[in-house]
Structures are given as C-alpha cells and as structure tokens.
Amino acid sequence: MVRYVMGRLAQGVVVVFVVVTLTFILIHAAPGDPLTSLANEPNVRPEVVEQMRRNLGLDRPLHVQYVRYLGRMLRGDLGVSLTQHRSVAAAIRDAIPNTILLALAALLIDFGIGVSAGAFQGAHPRSRRDRTLTAVTITLYSIPVFWLGMVLLFLFGEQLYWFPVAGVTDPVTYPFRSGLGKVADRLHHLVLPALTLGLAGAGYTARQQRAAMIEAIGQDFVRTARAKGLRERLVVGRHALRNALLPTIALAGLAFPALLSGTVLVETVFSWPGLGRLAADAIGRRDYPIVTGAALVAAVLVVLGNLAADVATRIADPRTKPAS
C-alpha cells in the first residue's frame, strides 16, 4: 500500500506541474496584461505604466517569466497579488476554508441523496417509484448549476426569506453571537450554496448507484442469501447494498473535481468568498499570481481527493489489491 500511495503521489506531482504550466501559459497568452486598464486611463502617463511593467517583470519573455515563477513556487513563494497587494498565499489561506466547507457539505448532500435514491431505485427496478425518481434525477443532472442556484436564491432567499442570499456570515450580528450562534449562522448561510452544488451532483450519483445496485442484486451471493430465507430487507441492505457501494467510493474521487469546478459558479452566484470566486475575479482582472496560485491549490486538492478515493476502494474491495 505504501508503494502504491508513493507512486500515485509521484503521478500527482506531474499532474500539478502540467496544470500550473498550462494555466501560466494560457493566462499570459490572452491579449493585454494586468496594466492594460491602467494604461487606458487618461491621467496616467505611458512611461509610468512601462516602468510598472518592468518592475513586475511583465516586459520579459514568457519563458523567462515562467522559469522565475517555477523557482519561486518550488521555494513556497506564490508571489504577490497584483490587485489585492498582498501575498497570494494569504489570499488563498483566507479563501480555501470556505471552499472546502462548501465542497464537503455539497458532497454530503450529493451522496446522501444520490446513494439513497439510487439504492431505492435499484431495489425496485421498473416500478412506478423508480420511474418517478428517474425523471427527478435526470432533471437534476440536466439543470445547469448556476441556473439552479439562481432559482433557489430567488425562491428561498428573495421570496420566502428562509435563507441568506450572500456571504458566509451576517456582518452585523455575527461578531456578537455566542460560539454556538456563530456556527448556526455559518450553517444558515451554507444551506443554499451547498444545496445547489449537492443537488446538481446527486442526479448523476443516483443514476450510477441505481445501476450498481441492480447489478449487485443479480449476483449469485444475493440469490444464495434469499435461498437461505433471509428477510428481503437484510438481503438488500446487508448484502446487495454493501457491494453496490464499492463503485460509489471510486465515484467520490471523480465527484470532487466536479465540485471544485462547480464552486466557481456557485460562489459567484451566492457571493461566497471562496477559492472559486477568488480565481474568477482574478481572471477578470488578469491577476496572474492569484490565477496560477488558485490553479495550483485546486490541482493539489483534486489529486489528494482522487488518491483518498482510490485508497478507500483498495481497502474496501480486496479484489483491487495486487496478488502477493
């Protein structure tokens, strides 16, 4: 297992390096630079802009900028934000907890609803309830996440006033709340963003879990359990579902990258100050260090998420372990 983990980590390093390289090249290949908007200001002299460009190293060839960036990155220096005027590490450190909280909450909703619905469908295939849930899950899977977010925001935030529509806390009351009150306030603000992101993935999870459940119920060990006279609830829950969950463990590793990409839209809709919104704002402002730093952190999180899912699969399913 240790050799396997080390091998996957080595592959992960390569993946992170490729992601950072592509991000660096693409963001620099776009027309203009972070000082383009400043250069269009009538009160700013061109020589001042050029001096600023030289100070930031933006006048140097792309390969020189890339080598310098790699050197700093290997030393743990992600640079300084060109728009926020603070270190990229500090900006990401403030944003990443909110994104991880949102992604984990969405993952719980995704698999809580998706696995439950899919297992129920797989245990009652081709029934009326199965057809109804199929229509619901396909609808959820087909709805764009940003559109679902705006619908939930309008309905439960603007019309019913059940949940806040923006931010992670109430800026007025949060500092004066007790410890439990602060937790409740954060959870209250978390509901709509997490529900948006979780429901968008639950449809796909349910479809995969349904297929895995139907396949597991058709196996010989399930027929043997029924032949022994076990109650159907035990046959489905203890035998079929336990084996049908194995593909879902691997699916969790694939769902994590989708959740991270979905946070960009969800965090923008709900003004959630996380890594996705930080990166989206930085792209619009051509803040090179923030964009590459966010891509680096996102790639690391995706690699670690997939590694955790693979390790969990190998532990849960002995068939995936190499023969000794």
Protein backbone atom coordinates (compact mmCIF):
# COMPACT_ATOMS: atom_id res chain seq x y z
CA MET A 1 0.00 0.00 0.00
CA VAL A 2 2.83 2.40 0.83
CA ARG A 3 4.44 1.81 -2.57
CA TYR A 4 1.09 2.37 -4.25
CA VAL A 5 0.50 5.66 -2.41
CA MET A 6 4.01 6.89 -3.20
CA GLY A 7 3.52 6.03 -6.87
CA ARG A 8 0.22 7.89 -7.00
CA LEU A 9 1.77 10.89 -5.29
CA ALA A 10 4.53 10.94 -7.90
CA GLN A 11 1.89 10.92 -10.63
CA GLY A 12 0.09 13.68 -8.77
CA VAL A 13 3.19 15.87 -8.81
CA VAL A 14 3.31 15.52 -12.60
CA VAL A 15 -0.38 16.40 -12.88
CA VAL A 16 0.04 19.51 -10.71
CA PHE A 17 3.08 20.58 -12.75
CA VAL A 18 1.14 20.24 -16.02
CA VAL A 19 -1.87 22.14 -14.64
CA VAL A 20 0.28 25.00 -13.39
CA THR A 21 2.20 25.16 -16.67
CA LEU A 22 -0.93 25.23 -18.83
CA THR A 23 -2.56 27.81 -16.59
CA PHE A 24 0.52 30.02 -16.71
CA ILE A 25 0.75 29.84 -20.50
CA LEU A 26 -2.96 30.37 -21.15
CA ILE A 27 -3.40 33.34 -18.82
CA HIS A 28 -0.34 35.04 -20.32
CA ALA A 29 -1.42 34.22 -23.88
CA ALA A 30 -4.61 36.26 -23.55
CA PRO A 31 -4.38 39.80 -25.02
CA GLY A 32 -3.18 42.52 -22.69
CA ASP A 33 -1.84 42.28 -19.15
CA PRO A 34 -2.83 43.48 -15.65
CA LEU A 35 -1.74 47.03 -16.51
CA THR A 36 -3.77 47.37 -19.71
CA SER A 37 -6.71 49.02 -17.99
CA LEU A 38 -4.34 51.39 -16.18
CA ALA A 39 -2.68 52.33 -19.47
CA ASN A 40 -6.08 53.43 -20.81
CA GLU A 41 -6.53 55.96 -18.04
CA PRO A 42 -6.11 59.50 -19.41
CA ASN A 43 -4.31 60.75 -16.28
CA VAL A 44 -1.63 58.03 -16.31
CA ARG A 45 1.47 58.67 -18.36
CA PRO A 46 2.67 55.81 -20.63
CA GLU A 47 6.20 55.92 -19.19
CA VAL A 48 4.77 55.30 -15.71
CA VAL A 49 2.92 52.22 -16.95
CA GLU A 50 6.04 50.92 -18.70
CA GLN A 51 8.09 51.39 -15.53
CA MET A 52 5.49 49.47 -13.54
CA ARG A 53 5.54 46.73 -16.17
CA ARG A 54 9.33 46.47 -15.84
CA ASN A 55 9.10 46.41 -12.04
CA LEU A 56 6.68 43.49 -12.23
CA GLY A 57 8.78 41.65 -14.81
CA LEU A 58 5.96 41.67 -17.36
CA ASP A 59 8.24 43.05 -20.06
CA ARG A 60 10.41 39.93 -20.07
CA PRO A 61 9.92 36.95 -22.44
CA LEU A 62 7.32 34.40 -21.40
CA HIS A 63 9.84 31.61 -20.82
CA VAL A 64 11.87 33.85 -18.51
CA GLN A 65 8.76 34.72 -16.50
CA TYR A 66 7.84 31.04 -16.34
CA VAL A 67 11.26 29.93 -15.07
CA ARG A 68 11.22 32.66 -12.44
CA TYR A 69 7.73 31.63 -11.33
CA LEU A 70 8.72 27.96 -11.05
CA GLY A 71 11.75 28.90 -8.99
CA ARG A 72 9.64 30.89 -6.56
CA MET A 73 6.96 28.20 -6.44
CA LEU A 74 9.49 25.50 -5.54
CA ARG A 75 10.60 27.69 -2.65
CA GLY A 76 6.99 28.01 -1.49
CA ASP A 77 6.59 31.58 -2.73
CA LEU A 78 3.44 32.02 -4.82
CA GLY A 79 4.08 35.70 -5.38
CA VAL A 80 2.12 38.84 -4.58
CA SER A 81 -1.35 39.63 -5.88
CA LEU A 82 -1.31 42.45 -8.44
CA THR A 83 -4.76 43.68 -7.41
CA GLN A 84 -5.04 42.86 -3.70
CA HIS A 85 -1.45 43.94 -2.91
CA ARG A 86 -0.83 41.07 -0.52
CA SER A 87 0.75 37.67 -0.81
CA VAL A 88 -1.08 35.05 -2.86
CA ALA A 89 -0.64 32.59 -0.01
CA ALA A 90 -2.53 34.92 2.33
CA ALA A 91 -5.35 35.42 -0.17
CA ILE A 92 -5.71 31.67 -0.72
CA ARG A 93 -5.41 30.97 3.01
CA ASP A 94 -8.42 33.20 3.63
CA ALA A 95 -10.47 31.67 0.80
CA ILE A 96 -9.69 27.95 0.92
CA PRO A 97 -11.51 27.10 4.20
CA ASN A 98 -14.77 28.46 2.77
CA THR A 99 -14.36 26.40 -0.41
CA ILE A 100 -13.52 23.20 1.47
CA LEU A 101 -16.50 23.71 3.78
CA LEU A 102 -18.79 24.25 0.78
CA ALA A 103 -17.39 21.26 -1.13
CA LEU A 104 -17.67 18.88 1.85
CA ALA A 105 -21.23 19.98 2.62
CA ALA A 106 -22.17 19.58 -1.04
CA LEU A 107 -20.50 16.15 -1.11
CA LEU A 108 -22.62 15.02 1.85
CA ILE A 109 -25.79 16.22 0.13
CA ASP A 110 -24.72 14.74 -3.19
CA PHE A 111 -24.04 11.24 -1.86
CA GLY A 112 -26.63 11.31 0.89
CA ILE A 113 -29.44 11.94 -1.59
CA GLY A 114 -27.84 10.21 -4.58
CA VAL A 115 -26.95 6.95 -2.84
CA SER A 116 -30.30 6.73 -1.03
CA ALA A 117 -32.33 7.39 -4.16
CA GLY A 118 -30.19 5.13 -6.36
CA ALA A 119 -30.25 2.25 -3.87
CA PHE A 120 -34.02 2.51 -3.57
CA GLN A 121 -34.41 2.55 -7.35
CA GLY A 122 -32.09 -0.41 -7.76
CA ALA A 123 -34.05 -2.40 -5.19
CA HIS A 124 -37.35 -1.64 -7.02
CA PRO A 125 -36.40 -1.50 -10.71
CA ARG A 126 -39.03 -0.62 -13.31
CA SER A 127 -41.58 0.24 -10.64
CA ARG A 128 -43.61 3.45 -10.67
CA ARG A 129 -41.44 4.91 -7.91
CA ASP A 130 -38.34 4.02 -9.89
CA ARG A 131 -39.66 5.80 -12.97
CA THR A 132 -40.59 8.86 -10.92
CA LEU A 133 -37.18 9.07 -9.28
CA THR A 134 -35.51 8.53 -12.64
CA ALA A 135 -37.30 11.58 -14.03
CA VAL A 136 -36.29 13.62 -10.98
CA THR A 137 -32.62 12.58 -11.03
CA ILE A 138 -32.26 13.12 -14.78
CA THR A 139 -33.80 16.58 -14.35
CA LEU A 140 -31.35 17.44 -11.57
CA TYR A 141 -28.43 16.17 -13.64
CA SER A 142 -29.54 18.22 -16.65
CA ILE A 143 -30.06 21.57 -14.91
CA PRO A 144 -27.05 23.95 -15.15
CA VAL A 145 -25.68 24.56 -11.67
CA PHE A 146 -25.72 28.35 -11.97
CA TRP A 147 -29.39 28.30 -13.07
CA LEU A 148 -30.35 26.02 -10.19
CA GLY A 149 -28.51 28.35 -7.82
CA MET A 150 -30.37 31.41 -9.06
CA VAL A 151 -33.72 29.61 -8.79
CA LEU A 152 -33.02 28.54 -5.20
CA LEU A 153 -31.73 32.00 -4.36
CA PHE A 154 -34.84 33.68 -5.77
CA LEU A 155 -37.30 31.23 -4.21
CA PHE A 156 -35.88 30.63 -0.73
CA GLY A 157 -33.93 33.85 -0.36
CA GLU A 158 -35.77 36.63 -2.15
CA GLN A 159 -39.36 35.34 -1.90
CA LEU A 160 -39.62 33.20 1.24
CA TYR A 161 -36.72 34.81 3.17
CA TRP A 162 -35.78 31.44 4.66
CA PHE A 163 -32.06 31.68 3.98
CA PRO A 164 -29.47 34.43 3.36
CA VAL A 165 -28.63 35.13 -0.26
CA ALA A 166 -24.95 36.10 0.06
CA GLY A 167 -21.84 35.77 2.20
CA VAL A 168 -20.73 33.24 4.81
CA THR A 169 -21.95 35.13 7.90
CA ASP A 170 -24.15 38.05 8.87
CA PRO A 171 -21.73 41.01 9.04
CA VAL A 172 -23.90 42.82 11.62
CA THR A 173 -24.83 40.15 14.16
CA TYR A 174 -22.04 37.56 13.74
CA PRO A 175 -19.40 39.30 15.97
CA PHE A 176 -21.88 39.46 18.85
CA ARG A 177 -23.08 35.85 18.72
CA SER A 178 -22.00 33.06 21.04
CA GLY A 179 -19.84 30.21 19.79
CA LEU A 180 -22.86 28.04 19.00
CA GLY A 181 -24.63 31.02 17.48
CA LYS A 182 -21.70 31.65 15.13
CA VAL A 183 -21.78 28.03 13.99
CA ALA A 184 -25.53 28.26 13.39
CA ASP A 185 -25.08 31.47 11.42
CA ARG A 186 -22.46 29.87 9.16
CA LEU A 187 -24.63 26.81 8.59
CA HIS A 188 -27.59 29.06 7.79
CA HIS A 189 -25.57 30.82 5.10
CA LEU A 190 -24.20 27.48 3.85
CA VAL A 191 -27.56 25.85 3.09
CA LEU A 192 -28.36 27.35 -0.31
CA PRO A 193 -24.84 27.15 -1.86
CA ALA A 194 -24.31 23.59 -0.61
CA LEU A 195 -27.79 22.51 -1.69
CA THR A 196 -27.21 23.97 -5.16
CA LEU A 197 -23.92 22.17 -5.63
CA GLY A 198 -25.07 18.95 -3.95
CA LEU A 199 -28.32 18.58 -5.88
CA ALA A 200 -26.52 19.14 -9.17
CA GLY A 201 -24.33 16.09 -8.47
CA ALA A 202 -26.96 13.95 -6.73
CA GLY A 203 -28.71 13.21 -10.02
CA TYR A 204 -25.61 11.62 -11.52
CA THR A 205 -24.74 9.77 -8.31
CA ALA A 206 -28.23 8.31 -8.14
CA ARG A 207 -28.03 7.02 -11.71
CA GLN A 208 -24.69 5.33 -11.03
CA GLN A 209 -25.87 3.87 -7.72
CA ARG A 210 -29.03 2.50 -9.32
CA ALA A 211 -27.01 0.67 -11.97
CA ALA A 212 -24.59 -0.71 -9.35
CA MET A 213 -27.49 -1.84 -7.15
CA ILE A 214 -29.26 -3.65 -9.99
CA GLU A 215 -26.02 -5.42 -10.90
CA ALA A 216 -25.38 -6.43 -7.27
CA ILE A 217 -28.90 -7.80 -6.79
CA GLY A 218 -28.39 -10.06 -9.79
CA GLN A 219 -25.28 -11.71 -8.32
CA ASP A 220 -25.19 -15.29 -7.02
CA PHE A 221 -24.48 -14.33 -3.41
CA VAL A 222 -27.75 -12.38 -3.27
CA ARG A 223 -29.71 -15.34 -4.63
CA THR A 224 -27.97 -17.55 -2.08
CA ALA A 225 -28.95 -15.19 0.74
CA ARG A 226 -32.55 -15.29 -0.41
CA ALA A 227 -32.45 -19.07 -0.68
CA LYS A 228 -31.35 -19.22 2.97
CA GLY A 229 -34.58 -17.50 3.93
CA LEU A 230 -33.19 -14.11 4.94
CA ARG A 231 -35.63 -11.26 5.00
CA GLU A 232 -35.60 -9.05 1.91
CA ARG A 233 -34.54 -6.03 3.95
CA LEU A 234 -31.41 -7.86 5.14
CA VAL A 235 -30.68 -9.19 1.66
CA VAL A 236 -30.86 -5.74 0.13
CA GLY A 237 -29.22 -3.77 2.94
CA ARG A 238 -26.56 -6.14 4.21
CA HIS A 239 -25.55 -7.97 1.03
CA ALA A 240 -26.55 -6.11 -2.12
CA LEU A 241 -26.08 -2.52 -0.95
CA ARG A 242 -22.71 -3.19 0.71
CA ASN A 243 -21.28 -4.45 -2.58
CA ALA A 244 -23.07 -1.82 -4.66
CA LEU A 245 -21.35 0.92 -2.67
CA LEU A 246 -17.88 -0.03 -3.93
CA PRO A 247 -18.23 1.80 -7.29
CA THR A 248 -19.64 4.78 -5.41
CA ILE A 249 -16.45 5.09 -3.37
CA ALA A 250 -14.49 5.48 -6.58
CA LEU A 251 -17.13 7.90 -7.85
CA ALA A 252 -16.43 10.15 -4.86
CA GLY A 253 -12.93 10.75 -6.16
CA LEU A 254 -14.33 11.78 -9.54
CA ALA A 255 -17.02 13.94 -7.95
CA PHE A 256 -14.51 16.07 -6.05
CA PRO A 257 -13.03 17.75 -9.16
CA ALA A 258 -16.56 18.44 -10.41
CA LEU A 259 -17.44 20.03 -7.09
CA LEU A 260 -14.37 22.24 -7.20
CA SER A 261 -15.20 23.41 -10.70
CA GLY A 262 -18.81 23.95 -9.69
CA THR A 263 -17.79 26.13 -6.76
CA VAL A 264 -16.63 28.81 -9.22
CA LEU A 265 -20.20 29.34 -10.40
CA VAL A 266 -21.90 28.75 -7.06
CA GLU A 267 -19.55 31.04 -5.16
CA THR A 268 -20.15 33.74 -7.74
CA VAL A 269 -23.95 33.41 -7.56
CA PHE A 270 -24.04 33.47 -3.75
CA SER A 271 -21.09 35.86 -3.24
CA TRP A 272 -19.36 33.10 -1.28
CA PRO A 273 -15.76 34.22 -0.63
CA GLY A 274 -14.00 31.02 -1.58
CA LEU A 275 -11.27 29.87 -3.91
CA GLY A 276 -13.58 29.72 -6.94
CA ARG A 277 -14.74 33.31 -6.61
CA LEU A 278 -11.18 34.43 -5.89
CA ALA A 279 -9.98 32.79 -9.12
CA ALA A 280 -12.91 34.13 -11.17
CA ASP A 281 -12.27 37.69 -10.00
CA ALA A 282 -8.54 37.28 -10.64
CA ILE A 283 -9.13 36.08 -14.20
CA GLY A 284 -11.25 39.13 -14.93
CA ARG A 285 -8.57 41.41 -13.53
CA ARG A 286 -5.69 39.48 -15.12
CA ASP A 287 -4.11 38.91 -11.72
CA TYR A 288 -1.57 36.31 -12.86
CA PRO A 289 -0.22 35.23 -9.44
CA ILE A 290 -3.70 34.65 -8.00
CA VAL A 291 -4.85 32.64 -11.02
CA THR A 292 -1.81 30.35 -11.07
CA GLY A 293 -1.84 30.00 -7.28
CA ALA A 294 -5.52 29.04 -7.27
CA ALA A 295 -4.92 26.53 -10.07
CA LEU A 296 -2.04 25.03 -8.08
CA VAL A 297 -4.12 24.60 -4.93
CA ALA A 298 -7.12 23.24 -6.85
CA ALA A 299 -4.91 20.68 -8.62
CA VAL A 300 -3.42 19.55 -5.31
CA LEU A 301 -6.90 19.14 -3.79
CA VAL A 302 -8.09 17.13 -6.79
CA VAL A 303 -5.04 14.85 -6.68
CA LEU A 304 -5.45 14.24 -2.94
CA GLY A 305 -9.20 13.63 -3.33
CA ASN A 306 -8.66 11.02 -6.04
CA LEU A 307 -5.87 9.39 -4.03
CA ALA A 308 -8.11 9.13 -0.96
CA ALA A 309 -10.89 7.56 -3.03
CA ASP A 310 -8.50 5.04 -4.62
CA VAL A 311 -7.03 4.06 -1.25
CA ALA A 312 -10.51 3.66 0.23
CA THR A 313 -11.52 1.47 -2.72
CA ARG A 314 -8.48 -0.78 -2.30
CA ILE A 315 -9.21 -1.14 1.41
CA ALA A 316 -12.92 -1.84 0.92
CA ASP A 317 -12.57 -4.19 -2.06
CA PRO A 318 -9.96 -6.95 -1.69
CA ARG A 319 -10.22 -7.70 -5.42
CA THR A 320 -8.38 -4.46 -6.22
CA LYS A 321 -5.34 -5.46 -4.17
CA PRO A 322 -2.37 -6.90 -6.09
CA ALA A 323 -1.74 -10.61 -5.70
CA SER A 324 1.09 -11.42 -3.33
